[in-house]
Amino acid sequence: MRSYRRPHRYTPTILFVFLFGFMVPAAPGQESDLSFLSHEKRAEEIDFVIRQIDSVYVYGRRGIGDDEWNRRLGIIRSKIDSAENWNEYYYALRYFGMLIEDGHFTFPDRGYYNRTRIFQKTDTLFPVWVKAWKDGTVYAHRDYTGRIPENAKILRVNGRSAQEMTLIQRSIPCWEKDEQVYYGPDESDPKSWYNLMNFLFMEGFKAPYRVEYTLPGSERVDTAVLAGMTRQELYKAYKKHRQRVKGDNVWNLLFGGKTITTRKIRDRSAVMTIDYFWGENMLAMLFAHKDKRYPRKLKKAMAWVSRHKIDTLILDISNNSGGMTDNVYLTLNYFTKKTVDANRAYRVNDGNREKIKTVIRNTPYEKLFGLTPEQHERMASYVDSIESGEYFTTDMVYDVRFRPAPELKHRYRGKVYLLTSEATYSAAQLFAQYFRELGIGLTAGRPCGGYASISGGNSQSVGLPYASRFVLSIPYASLRNDVRAPRFEYDSVDILIPREEFTCDDWLAGKREENLSDRFIGQFRSGTLPVVEPAPQE
C-alpha cells in the first residue's frame, strides 16, 4: 500500500502532473459554457461533498464534533452562497479544507489552482512576499515594488486585518491543524493558493493595494499604495530571491534525492537518516508500483552499521513524510524478530471495489505476512461480499501479522533511538508506531504530524456534479485496523524535545530554531539522555 504526505513534499501524484501535465492541456471545464449555478444547485453540490466524506472517506468526520462540524460547514455555505460567478465559486471551494483533517485527503486540486487554469499568469496580485509569526502577525519579507521596508508589520490591506486573514488562511488546508504544527515564516510561491497574495486575490481585493504598516520599533502607522504585479512577474521574482533548499533540483524532484544516509558521531555510535520510505527511482514506483532500490539501499546501510560495529544507533525519520508501507516492514525486519499485527481496513463502495482488490493483490502478503497464494487471492475476492459503504478488514479473512525473516544478515542488536517530528507523517508514522509497540527502543523529538489513526495514500477520485474541474481524492484505506476505535490525537514520544522559545524580535532578526537532529545529537553526546536498552529480539 502506498502512503504519502504533505504539501511541502513532492508526492508521486504531484510528480505525475509535473512530468506529464504538459502533454495534456487542461481543457476548460464544462461549466464554462453554462450559466452560473443557482443557490439550490450550489447547496446540492455542498451536500454531495458532505455525503462523500461521510460515506467514502475511511475515517468519516475524523473526530470533529457535531457542533464544530456545523460551525465550519456554516462558514463554507456562507462563502459558497455569496459567490457571484464561477471563479468566486471555485475559490470558495477551498474552504472545504476546514472539514478535512488528513494530508492524504486533498481537495480541491491539491492546492494549486493554476493546474486547472483558474489562476492565470496575467492575474494581478498583491506584490509583497510576507512572513507571519505564530500568532498570525504579518511582516513584510520583500516588497517587490520597493516601497515597504523588510520587517515592517503589515496591519491592514485595503482595510482588512492582515493578521485576521492569515489566521483564516491557516484554518483552511486539509491536513491536521490544531496548533501542533507551525509551518514557519515564509509563504509558498505565487502559484499556490496558500499565501496572502492569493488570499487577497481570491477574496476579491484588487489593485491598487492600500497598505497600513508600522516600521520596526515604531507605533506610527504609515500608508503605502501599491500597484499590483502579474502572477508571472512575481513568480520570477520569487524564484530569484527565495532561499534554495539543499538538494532542490530537478533530479531530486524526479528521483527523490538521498533516501538513506549514515554517519558516525562517536567511535561506535551513528545516525541513520531515512528521508523517505521509497527508493530514489520515482518512475518505477509511479508506473510499476514496485521499489527495488529501497531494499538495496537499506541492506547497504545496515551492512555499514555491522561493518563499523555500531552499538548505539539513532534512526532519524524527523523529515520523513512517507512512502511505501512495504518498505516500513522491510525496515522493521532489521530491528526485530517479533511478529506484529498488520491488519488493515478498507471502506468499500461500488466505485472503489475493484481498486481495493487490486491494492490487495499488489501487496506482497506471501513475502511479508506468510499467506499462501490461495489465501492471498481469497482475501481479494472477499471484498466482493462487502456491502457498499461498509468496512472490509483483513482479519475478516485471516489474521494478518508481519513475520520477520528468522535469519537475516546484518540484523541490528544494539541500542536504538528513533527521532520524529511534526514532519514525520504517513508511512513514517506507521514505522514509529511499530517501533514503540515492539519495544525496539526509545522515541525522541516531537510527536508525528498526523493523528494516530493513519489513512493510506490510495484514494478514490470522485468528480463534483457541477464544478467538473474539481475532483475529490478520497482515501478509502487505513494503515492499521482501527476504524472501529480510531484515535484522532497525536502519538507521544518518550523523550520530548520541545520547540525552542524565542521572541518575535529575535525571529525578525534572523534567529531560527536549531535543527532537531543536531539538538538531539548534542544531548546524546552530553550524556543527558535516558539510557536505552537493546531491544529483545524474540
Protein backbone atom coordinates (compact mmCIF):
# COMPACT_ATOMS: atom_id res chain seq x y z
CA MET A 1 0.00 0.00 0.00
CA ARG A 2 1.24 3.44 -0.80
CA SER A 3 1.18 6.18 1.77
CA TYR A 4 2.16 9.75 1.15
CA ARG A 5 2.16 13.16 2.70
CA ARG A 6 2.01 16.63 2.65
CA PRO A 7 2.08 19.78 0.71
CA HIS A 8 5.75 20.57 1.38
CA ARG A 9 6.88 17.25 -0.12
CA TYR A 10 6.71 16.05 -3.71
CA THR A 11 4.31 13.10 -3.82
CA PRO A 12 4.01 10.67 -6.72
CA THR A 13 0.72 12.19 -7.86
CA ILE A 14 2.28 15.65 -7.91
CA LEU A 15 5.23 14.25 -9.80
CA PHE A 16 2.91 12.69 -12.36
CA VAL A 17 1.32 16.07 -13.00
CA PHE A 18 4.75 17.66 -13.15
CA LEU A 19 6.06 15.11 -15.63
CA PHE A 20 3.10 14.68 -17.91
CA GLY A 21 0.73 17.55 -17.28
CA PHE A 22 2.18 19.44 -20.25
CA MET A 23 1.21 16.62 -22.60
CA VAL A 24 -2.50 17.01 -21.97
CA PRO A 25 -3.50 20.67 -21.78
CA ALA A 26 -6.06 21.41 -19.13
CA ALA A 27 -9.27 21.91 -21.05
CA PRO A 28 -11.87 24.35 -19.80
CA GLY A 29 -14.46 22.70 -17.61
CA GLN A 30 -17.92 22.06 -18.98
CA GLU A 31 -19.29 24.67 -16.64
CA SER A 32 -17.60 27.47 -18.60
CA ASP A 33 -20.32 27.22 -21.24
CA LEU A 34 -23.18 27.22 -18.77
CA SER A 35 -24.85 29.91 -16.74
CA PHE A 36 -23.68 30.16 -13.16
CA LEU A 37 -25.19 27.83 -10.60
CA SER A 38 -28.36 28.68 -8.77
CA HIS A 39 -28.32 28.76 -4.98
CA GLU A 40 -30.18 25.44 -4.98
CA LYS A 41 -27.56 23.73 -7.15
CA ARG A 42 -24.75 25.11 -5.03
CA ALA A 43 -26.44 23.71 -1.92
CA GLU A 44 -26.83 20.40 -3.75
CA GLU A 45 -23.11 20.30 -4.52
CA ILE A 46 -22.20 21.08 -0.91
CA ASP A 47 -24.42 18.23 0.25
CA PHE A 48 -22.79 15.95 -2.32
CA VAL A 49 -19.30 16.64 -0.93
CA ILE A 50 -20.51 16.03 2.63
CA ARG A 51 -22.01 12.68 1.59
CA GLN A 52 -18.67 11.62 0.10
CA ILE A 53 -16.86 12.49 3.32
CA ASP A 54 -19.43 10.59 5.37
CA SER A 55 -19.71 7.51 3.13
CA VAL A 56 -16.44 7.11 1.17
CA TYR A 57 -13.66 8.53 3.37
CA VAL A 58 -12.23 5.82 5.60
CA TYR A 59 -12.40 7.96 8.75
CA GLY A 60 -15.60 9.93 8.10
CA ARG A 61 -15.56 13.20 10.02
CA ARG A 62 -12.23 12.31 11.66
CA GLY A 63 -13.14 13.25 15.19
CA ILE A 64 -14.71 16.66 14.51
CA GLY A 65 -17.68 17.01 16.90
CA ASP A 66 -21.14 17.88 15.64
CA ASP A 67 -21.15 21.47 16.92
CA GLU A 68 -17.73 22.24 15.47
CA TRP A 69 -18.60 20.47 12.22
CA ASN A 70 -21.77 22.55 11.84
CA ARG A 71 -19.89 25.76 12.65
CA ARG A 72 -17.31 25.08 9.95
CA LEU A 73 -19.96 23.94 7.49
CA GLY A 74 -21.85 27.18 8.11
CA ILE A 75 -18.77 29.16 7.06
CA ILE A 76 -18.45 27.06 3.90
CA ARG A 77 -22.11 27.51 2.99
CA SER A 78 -21.85 31.26 3.54
CA LYS A 79 -18.75 31.55 1.34
CA ILE A 80 -20.22 29.45 -1.44
CA ASP A 81 -23.64 31.11 -1.26
CA SER A 82 -22.10 34.57 -1.63
CA ALA A 83 -20.19 33.65 -4.81
CA GLU A 84 -21.41 35.63 -7.82
CA ASN A 85 -19.60 33.83 -10.65
CA TRP A 86 -17.76 30.59 -11.41
CA ASN A 87 -14.34 31.80 -10.33
CA GLU A 88 -15.61 33.04 -6.99
CA TYR A 89 -17.29 29.67 -6.57
CA TYR A 90 -14.06 27.83 -7.34
CA TYR A 91 -12.20 29.95 -4.81
CA ALA A 92 -14.85 29.31 -2.16
CA LEU A 93 -14.44 25.55 -2.58
CA ARG A 94 -11.06 25.73 -0.86
CA TYR A 95 -12.90 26.33 2.43
CA PHE A 96 -13.88 22.64 2.41
CA GLY A 97 -10.40 22.06 3.82
CA MET A 98 -11.88 23.14 7.15
CA LEU A 99 -13.72 19.81 7.26
CA ILE A 100 -10.71 17.68 6.33
CA GLU A 101 -8.02 16.79 8.86
CA ASP A 102 -5.91 14.49 6.72
CA GLY A 103 -2.97 15.30 4.47
CA HIS A 104 -3.90 12.39 2.17
CA PHE A 105 -7.38 13.79 1.50
CA THR A 106 -6.68 16.63 -0.89
CA PHE A 107 -9.47 18.92 -2.00
CA PRO A 108 -9.67 20.99 -4.01
CA ASP A 109 -6.92 20.45 -6.59
CA ARG A 110 -4.03 19.73 -4.19
CA GLY A 111 -3.77 23.45 -3.56
CA TYR A 112 -2.63 24.59 -7.00
CA TYR A 113 -5.46 26.25 -8.87
CA ASN A 114 -3.15 27.02 -11.79
CA ARG A 115 -3.27 23.35 -12.81
CA THR A 116 -6.86 23.81 -13.94
CA ARG A 117 -6.06 27.18 -15.49
CA ILE A 118 -8.19 29.02 -13.00
CA PHE A 119 -5.16 31.02 -11.94
CA GLN A 120 -3.65 32.86 -14.88
CA LYS A 121 -0.13 34.17 -15.42
CA THR A 122 -1.62 37.60 -16.09
CA ASP A 123 -3.59 37.80 -12.82
CA THR A 124 -2.72 40.91 -10.82
CA LEU A 125 -1.61 40.15 -7.27
CA PHE A 126 -0.52 41.87 -4.08
CA PRO A 127 3.23 42.47 -4.67
CA VAL A 128 4.59 41.73 -1.19
CA TRP A 129 6.11 38.43 -0.11
CA VAL A 130 5.28 38.25 3.60
CA LYS A 131 6.18 36.16 6.63
CA ALA A 132 3.91 35.54 9.60
CA TRP A 133 4.67 34.95 13.26
CA LYS A 134 2.96 32.11 15.11
CA ASP A 135 0.14 34.40 16.32
CA GLY A 136 -0.63 35.38 12.73
CA THR A 137 1.04 38.79 12.84
CA VAL A 138 2.24 39.63 9.32
CA TYR A 139 5.57 41.20 8.39
CA ALA A 140 6.98 42.26 5.05
CA HIS A 141 9.67 39.91 3.81
CA ARG A 142 10.16 41.54 0.43
CA ASP A 143 8.12 44.25 -1.23
CA TYR A 144 8.80 43.82 -4.93
CA THR A 145 7.78 47.44 -5.56
CA GLY A 146 10.41 48.69 -3.08
CA ARG A 147 8.01 50.76 -1.00
CA ILE A 148 7.60 48.83 2.27
CA PRO A 149 10.81 48.01 4.23
CA GLU A 150 11.67 44.50 5.32
CA ASN A 151 10.22 43.50 8.73
CA ALA A 152 7.60 46.25 8.66
CA LYS A 153 4.45 45.00 10.40
CA ILE A 154 1.56 44.92 7.95
CA LEU A 155 -1.62 45.87 9.79
CA ARG A 156 -4.25 46.11 7.06
CA VAL A 157 -4.57 45.72 3.31
CA ASN A 158 -7.45 47.62 1.71
CA GLY A 159 -8.95 47.97 5.16
CA ARG A 160 -8.87 44.32 6.19
CA SER A 161 -6.70 42.99 9.03
CA ALA A 162 -3.68 41.10 7.71
CA GLN A 163 -3.49 39.04 10.91
CA GLU A 164 -7.14 38.04 10.61
CA MET A 165 -6.62 36.94 7.01
CA THR A 166 -3.56 34.87 7.95
CA LEU A 167 -5.42 33.06 10.73
CA ILE A 168 -8.29 32.29 8.37
CA GLN A 169 -5.78 31.00 5.84
CA ARG A 170 -4.26 28.65 8.40
CA SER A 171 -7.67 27.15 9.17
CA ILE A 172 -8.33 26.08 5.57
CA PRO A 173 -5.71 23.47 4.50
CA CYS A 174 -6.65 19.79 4.53
CA TRP A 175 -4.05 18.43 6.93
CA GLU A 176 -4.25 18.23 10.72
CA LYS A 177 -4.30 21.79 12.01
CA ASP A 178 -4.96 22.05 15.72
CA GLU A 179 -1.94 24.20 16.55
CA GLN A 180 0.64 21.41 16.85
CA VAL A 181 2.31 22.33 13.58
CA TYR A 182 3.55 25.82 12.87
CA TYR A 183 4.88 25.94 9.35
CA GLY A 184 7.27 28.81 9.73
CA PRO A 185 7.90 32.23 8.32
CA ASP A 186 7.98 32.03 4.56
CA GLU A 187 4.97 31.78 2.31
CA SER A 188 4.65 29.43 -0.63
CA ASP A 189 5.23 30.61 -4.17
CA PRO A 190 2.72 32.73 -6.14
CA LYS A 191 1.36 29.69 -8.00
CA SER A 192 -0.02 28.21 -4.79
CA TRP A 193 -3.21 29.48 -3.24
CA TYR A 194 -1.77 29.11 0.25
CA ASN A 195 -0.37 32.61 0.71
CA LEU A 196 -1.56 36.15 1.40
CA MET A 197 -1.12 37.19 -2.25
CA ASN A 198 -3.70 34.70 -3.41
CA PHE A 199 -5.92 35.03 -0.35
CA LEU A 200 -6.42 38.66 -1.31
CA PHE A 201 -6.89 37.70 -4.95
CA MET A 202 -9.49 35.02 -4.20
CA GLU A 203 -11.32 37.22 -1.71
CA GLY A 204 -11.78 39.88 -4.40
CA PHE A 205 -9.24 42.52 -3.26
CA LYS A 206 -7.93 44.35 -6.30
CA ALA A 207 -5.08 46.77 -7.01
CA PRO A 208 -4.23 49.42 -6.05
CA TYR A 209 -3.48 47.99 -2.59
CA ARG A 210 -3.65 50.41 0.30
CA VAL A 211 -1.28 49.01 2.93
CA GLU A 212 -1.17 50.25 6.52
CA TYR A 213 2.00 49.28 8.34
CA THR A 214 4.38 50.21 11.13
CA LEU A 215 8.17 50.25 10.94
CA PRO A 216 10.25 48.17 13.38
CA GLY A 217 10.43 49.94 16.75
CA SER A 218 7.70 52.43 15.85
CA GLU A 219 3.98 52.62 16.60
CA ARG A 220 3.28 55.24 13.94
CA VAL A 221 1.04 53.89 11.21
CA ASP A 222 2.31 54.63 7.72
CA THR A 223 0.44 54.05 4.50
CA ALA A 224 1.63 52.99 1.07
CA VAL A 225 -0.44 52.49 -2.06
CA LEU A 226 0.97 49.70 -4.19
CA ALA A 227 0.29 48.79 -7.76
CA GLY A 228 -0.15 45.09 -8.39
CA MET A 229 2.18 42.78 -10.29
CA THR A 230 1.27 39.86 -12.50
CA ARG A 231 1.49 36.33 -11.19
CA GLN A 232 4.24 35.55 -13.70
CA GLU A 233 6.30 38.60 -12.70
CA LEU A 234 6.00 37.66 -9.03
CA TYR A 235 6.88 34.04 -9.65
CA LYS A 236 10.08 35.04 -11.48
CA ALA A 237 11.00 37.42 -8.65
CA TYR A 238 10.20 34.74 -6.07
CA LYS A 239 12.48 32.20 -7.75
CA LYS A 240 15.25 34.77 -7.91
CA HIS A 241 15.16 35.73 -4.25
CA ARG A 242 13.94 32.70 -2.34
CA GLN A 243 16.42 30.70 -0.32
CA ARG A 244 17.12 27.47 -2.14
CA VAL A 245 16.87 24.27 -0.19
CA LYS A 246 19.76 21.84 -0.35
CA GLY A 247 19.01 19.23 -2.96
CA ASP A 248 16.23 21.31 -4.54
CA ASN A 249 16.76 20.45 -8.19
CA VAL A 250 15.02 18.60 -10.99
CA TRP A 251 16.95 15.36 -10.43
CA ASN A 252 15.91 15.17 -6.79
CA LEU A 253 12.36 16.18 -7.72
CA LEU A 254 12.12 13.19 -10.07
CA PHE A 255 14.18 10.61 -8.21
CA GLY A 256 13.82 11.53 -4.57
CA GLY A 257 17.35 12.52 -3.61
CA LYS A 258 19.19 10.51 -0.98
CA THR A 259 16.86 8.06 0.70
CA ILE A 260 19.12 6.64 3.42
CA THR A 261 22.36 8.15 4.74
CA THR A 262 24.64 7.09 7.59
CA ARG A 263 27.31 8.89 9.61
CA LYS A 264 29.28 8.16 12.76
CA ILE A 265 29.01 10.52 15.72
CA ARG A 266 31.28 8.51 18.03
CA ASP A 267 33.51 5.53 17.61
CA ARG A 268 30.61 3.07 17.87
CA SER A 269 27.60 5.39 17.64
CA ALA A 270 25.94 6.54 14.44
CA VAL A 271 22.97 8.28 12.88
CA MET A 272 20.99 6.64 10.10
CA THR A 273 18.71 9.15 8.39
CA ILE A 274 15.77 7.78 6.39
CA ASP A 275 14.18 10.65 4.50
CA TYR A 276 11.70 8.56 2.51
CA PHE A 277 10.29 5.06 2.66
CA TRP A 278 10.83 4.68 -1.04
CA GLY A 279 13.91 4.35 -3.20
CA GLU A 280 15.31 7.04 -5.43
CA ASN A 281 13.60 5.84 -8.60
CA MET A 282 10.20 7.55 -8.53
CA LEU A 283 9.32 6.45 -12.05
CA ALA A 284 9.38 2.76 -11.12
CA MET A 285 7.10 3.47 -8.20
CA LEU A 286 4.71 5.52 -10.33
CA PHE A 287 4.29 3.04 -13.13
CA ALA A 288 5.21 -0.40 -11.77
CA HIS A 289 4.21 0.11 -8.12
CA LYS A 290 7.50 -1.56 -7.24
CA ASP A 291 10.51 -0.23 -5.44
CA LYS A 292 13.64 -2.34 -5.82
CA ARG A 293 16.07 0.39 -4.83
CA TYR A 294 14.93 0.93 -1.25
CA PRO A 295 15.67 -2.68 -0.14
CA ARG A 296 19.13 -2.48 -1.73
CA LYS A 297 19.93 0.84 -0.08
CA LEU A 298 18.62 -0.36 3.27
CA LYS A 299 20.75 -3.51 3.08
CA LYS A 300 23.79 -1.43 2.19
CA ALA A 301 23.18 0.92 5.15
CA MET A 302 22.73 -1.99 7.59
CA ALA A 303 25.92 -3.61 6.28
CA TRP A 304 27.70 -0.31 7.04
CA VAL A 305 26.33 -0.44 10.60
CA SER A 306 27.61 -4.01 11.02
CA ARG A 307 31.00 -3.26 9.50
CA HIS A 308 31.59 -0.34 11.86
CA LYS A 309 30.38 -2.35 14.88
CA ILE A 310 27.83 0.29 15.82
CA ASP A 311 26.27 -0.44 19.21
CA THR A 312 24.11 2.70 19.55
CA LEU A 313 22.07 3.86 16.55
CA ILE A 314 19.92 6.94 16.11
CA LEU A 315 17.27 6.37 13.45
CA ASP A 316 16.28 9.82 12.19
CA ILE A 317 12.92 9.96 10.40
CA SER A 318 12.16 13.51 11.54
CA ASN A 319 11.85 14.73 7.94
CA ASN A 320 10.33 11.56 6.51
CA SER A 321 6.88 12.27 5.07
CA GLY A 322 6.04 8.74 3.98
CA GLY A 323 6.46 6.25 1.18
CA MET A 324 5.56 2.60 0.68
CA THR A 325 4.34 0.61 3.65
CA ASP A 326 6.09 -2.48 2.23
CA ASN A 327 9.36 -0.69 2.96
CA VAL A 328 8.25 0.00 6.53
CA TYR A 329 8.06 -3.75 7.14
CA LEU A 330 11.34 -4.39 5.35
CA THR A 331 12.97 -1.87 7.68
CA LEU A 332 11.42 -3.39 10.79
CA ASN A 333 12.89 -6.69 9.67
CA TYR A 334 16.38 -5.43 10.58
CA PHE A 335 15.41 -4.43 14.12
CA THR A 336 13.20 -7.19 15.50
CA LYS A 337 12.24 -10.84 15.28
CA LYS A 338 8.85 -10.23 16.86
CA THR A 339 5.64 -10.56 14.91
CA VAL A 340 3.17 -7.68 14.97
CA ASP A 341 -0.41 -7.04 13.92
CA ALA A 342 -0.54 -5.83 10.31
CA ASN A 343 -4.26 -5.90 9.61
CA ARG A 344 -5.74 -3.07 7.58
CA ALA A 345 -9.17 -1.69 6.83
CA TYR A 346 -10.88 -0.51 3.67
CA ARG A 347 -14.15 1.34 3.21
CA VAL A 348 -15.80 -0.38 0.28
CA ASN A 349 -18.20 1.06 -2.27
CA ASP A 350 -19.06 0.25 -5.85
CA GLY A 351 -16.69 2.95 -7.10
CA ASN A 352 -13.58 1.58 -5.38
CA ARG A 353 -14.29 -2.15 -5.01
CA GLU A 354 -12.05 -3.16 -7.93
CA LYS A 355 -9.34 -0.74 -6.78
CA ILE A 356 -9.28 -2.33 -3.34
CA LYS A 357 -8.96 -5.79 -4.85
CA THR A 358 -6.06 -4.56 -6.97
CA VAL A 359 -4.36 -2.99 -3.96
CA ILE A 360 -4.66 -6.25 -2.02
CA ARG A 361 -3.34 -8.29 -4.94
CA ASN A 362 -0.38 -5.93 -5.34
CA THR A 363 0.53 -6.19 -1.65
CA PRO A 364 3.19 -8.88 -1.03
CA TYR A 365 1.15 -10.85 1.50
CA GLU A 366 3.14 -14.02 0.85
CA LYS A 367 6.55 -12.41 1.39
CA LEU A 368 5.74 -10.12 4.31
CA PHE A 369 2.85 -11.82 6.08
CA GLY A 370 3.22 -15.52 5.31
CA LEU A 371 -0.04 -16.05 3.40
CA THR A 372 -0.22 -18.65 0.66
CA PRO A 373 -1.14 -17.52 -2.88
CA GLU A 374 -4.57 -19.14 -2.40
CA GLN A 375 -5.16 -17.26 0.85
CA HIS A 376 -3.99 -14.04 -0.79
CA GLU A 377 -6.49 -14.42 -3.62
CA ARG A 378 -9.29 -15.36 -1.21
CA MET A 379 -8.68 -12.12 0.67
CA ALA A 380 -9.01 -10.08 -2.52
CA SER A 381 -12.12 -11.95 -3.63
CA TYR A 382 -13.76 -11.48 -0.22
CA VAL A 383 -14.12 -7.76 -0.99
CA ASP A 384 -16.99 -8.61 -3.36
CA SER A 385 -19.08 -9.76 -0.39
CA ILE A 386 -18.87 -6.41 1.44
CA GLU A 387 -21.87 -4.13 1.09
CA SER A 388 -21.30 -0.66 -0.30
CA GLY A 389 -20.38 1.82 2.45
CA GLU A 390 -19.23 -0.90 4.87
CA TYR A 391 -15.72 -1.75 6.04
CA PHE A 392 -13.62 -4.68 4.95
CA THR A 393 -10.94 -5.51 7.48
CA THR A 394 -8.35 -8.08 6.56
CA ASP A 395 -8.89 -10.03 9.78
CA MET A 396 -12.34 -10.96 8.44
CA VAL A 397 -10.44 -13.48 6.31
CA TYR A 398 -7.06 -14.02 8.03
CA ASP A 399 -5.29 -12.52 10.99
CA VAL A 400 -2.50 -10.73 9.16
CA ARG A 401 0.75 -10.37 11.07
CA PHE A 402 4.14 -9.17 9.93
CA ARG A 403 6.58 -12.04 10.34
CA PRO A 404 10.27 -11.03 10.24
CA ALA A 405 12.65 -13.36 8.48
CA PRO A 406 14.02 -15.87 11.06
CA GLU A 407 17.57 -15.33 9.85
CA LEU A 408 18.70 -12.05 8.32
CA LYS A 409 22.21 -10.87 7.66
CA HIS A 410 23.04 -7.53 9.32
CA ARG A 411 20.06 -7.60 11.69
CA TYR A 412 20.82 -4.98 14.35
CA ARG A 413 21.00 -5.98 18.01
CA GLY A 414 22.23 -2.80 19.66
CA LYS A 415 20.58 0.22 21.28
CA VAL A 416 18.24 2.36 19.17
CA TYR A 417 16.67 5.81 19.42
CA LEU A 418 14.02 6.92 16.91
CA LEU A 419 13.82 10.64 16.15
CA THR A 420 10.48 12.03 14.89
CA SER A 421 8.93 15.46 14.38
CA GLU A 422 5.84 17.20 13.02
CA ALA A 423 7.15 16.45 9.52
CA THR A 424 7.03 12.68 10.19
CA TYR A 425 3.86 11.50 8.50
CA SER A 426 2.02 8.68 6.81
CA ALA A 427 4.14 5.51 6.37
CA ALA A 428 6.88 7.05 8.52
CA GLN A 429 4.37 7.50 11.31
CA LEU A 430 3.36 3.85 10.92
CA PHE A 431 7.01 2.88 11.40
CA ALA A 432 7.16 4.99 14.57
CA GLN A 433 4.07 3.26 15.97
CA TYR A 434 5.51 -0.18 15.33
CA PHE A 435 8.86 0.90 16.79
CA ARG A 436 7.18 1.68 20.11
CA GLU A 437 4.83 -1.31 20.13
CA LEU A 438 7.69 -3.72 19.51
CA GLY A 439 9.86 -2.13 22.19
CA ILE A 440 12.75 -1.63 19.79
CA GLY A 441 13.99 1.46 21.61
CA LEU A 442 13.00 4.95 22.76
CA THR A 443 11.28 7.55 20.59
CA ALA A 444 12.53 11.12 20.81
CA GLY A 445 11.96 14.56 19.34
CA ARG A 446 8.37 15.68 18.88
CA PRO A 447 5.14 13.83 18.07
CA CYS A 448 4.50 12.92 14.45
CA GLY A 449 2.48 15.36 12.38
CA GLY A 450 -0.62 13.23 11.90
CA TYR A 451 -3.24 11.72 14.13
CA ALA A 452 -2.62 8.22 15.44
CA SER A 453 -5.19 6.81 13.01
CA ILE A 454 -3.44 6.95 9.64
CA SER A 455 -5.13 6.77 6.27
CA GLY A 456 -3.36 5.29 3.28
CA GLY A 457 -2.31 7.04 0.10
CA ASN A 458 -4.69 5.02 -2.09
CA SER A 459 -7.67 7.16 -2.97
CA GLN A 460 -10.88 7.18 -4.95
CA SER A 461 -11.43 10.04 -7.38
CA VAL A 462 -14.95 11.47 -7.28
CA GLY A 463 -15.94 14.27 -9.61
CA LEU A 464 -18.26 17.04 -8.48
CA PRO A 465 -21.70 17.23 -10.12
CA TYR A 466 -21.35 20.81 -11.38
CA ALA A 467 -17.82 22.13 -10.74
CA SER A 468 -16.40 19.49 -13.06
CA ARG A 469 -12.89 20.91 -12.95
CA PHE A 470 -12.51 19.66 -9.40
CA VAL A 471 -12.15 16.11 -8.15
CA LEU A 472 -12.36 14.78 -4.63
CA SER A 473 -9.39 12.48 -3.94
CA ILE A 474 -10.72 10.41 -1.04
CA PRO A 475 -8.62 7.92 0.96
CA TYR A 476 -10.54 4.69 1.48
CA ALA A 477 -7.91 2.67 3.37
CA SER A 478 -6.33 2.79 6.80
CA LEU A 479 -2.81 1.63 7.60
CA ARG A 480 -3.99 -0.06 10.81
CA ASN A 481 -7.19 -1.92 11.59
CA ASP A 482 -8.52 0.80 13.87
CA VAL A 483 -11.65 2.06 12.10
CA ARG A 484 -13.92 0.73 14.87
CA ALA A 485 -11.94 2.59 17.55
CA PRO A 486 -9.98 5.36 15.79
CA ARG A 487 -7.61 7.67 17.63
CA PHE A 488 -7.75 11.26 16.50
CA GLU A 489 -4.94 12.52 18.68
CA TYR A 490 -1.17 12.58 18.36
CA ASP A 491 1.10 9.77 19.45
CA SER A 492 3.51 10.76 22.20
CA VAL A 493 7.29 10.39 22.34
CA ASP A 494 9.44 9.02 25.16
CA ILE A 495 11.95 11.90 25.11
CA LEU A 496 10.31 15.21 24.26
CA ILE A 497 12.47 17.93 22.71
CA PRO A 498 10.15 20.96 22.70
CA ARG A 499 10.45 23.77 20.24
CA GLU A 500 12.93 26.45 21.18
CA GLU A 501 11.29 29.54 22.60
CA PHE A 502 12.42 32.91 21.33
CA THR A 503 10.78 36.25 20.82
CA CYS A 504 9.29 37.69 17.67
CA ASP A 505 12.08 40.29 17.65
CA ASP A 506 14.68 37.51 17.70
CA TRP A 507 12.87 35.83 14.83
CA LEU A 508 12.71 39.03 12.80
CA ALA A 509 16.44 39.44 13.38
CA GLY A 510 17.01 36.09 11.69
CA LYS A 511 17.09 33.61 14.57
CA ARG A 512 15.75 30.20 13.66
CA GLU A 513 15.29 27.02 15.62
CA GLU A 514 18.30 24.73 15.75
CA ASN A 515 17.99 21.60 13.66
CA LEU A 516 16.15 18.95 15.70
CA SER A 517 18.64 16.23 14.79
CA ASP A 518 21.56 18.41 15.87
CA ARG A 519 19.85 19.17 19.18
CA PHE A 520 19.25 15.51 19.87
CA ILE A 521 22.80 14.53 18.95
CA GLY A 522 24.05 17.29 21.26
CA GLN A 523 22.07 15.80 24.13
CA PHE A 524 23.32 12.33 23.24
CA ARG A 525 26.96 13.47 23.30
CA SER A 526 26.46 15.27 26.59
CA GLY A 527 25.17 12.10 28.21
CA THR A 528 21.88 13.65 29.35
CA LEU A 529 19.56 11.23 27.54
CA PRO A 530 17.82 8.31 29.25
CA VAL A 531 19.68 5.07 28.68
CA VAL A 532 18.04 2.79 26.15
CA GLU A 533 18.41 -0.94 26.41
CA PRO A 534 18.88 -3.21 23.40
CA ALA A 535 15.52 -4.46 22.18
CA PRO A 536 14.61 -8.07 22.95
CA GLN A 537 14.69 -9.94 19.65
CA GLU A 538 12.09 -12.60 20.37
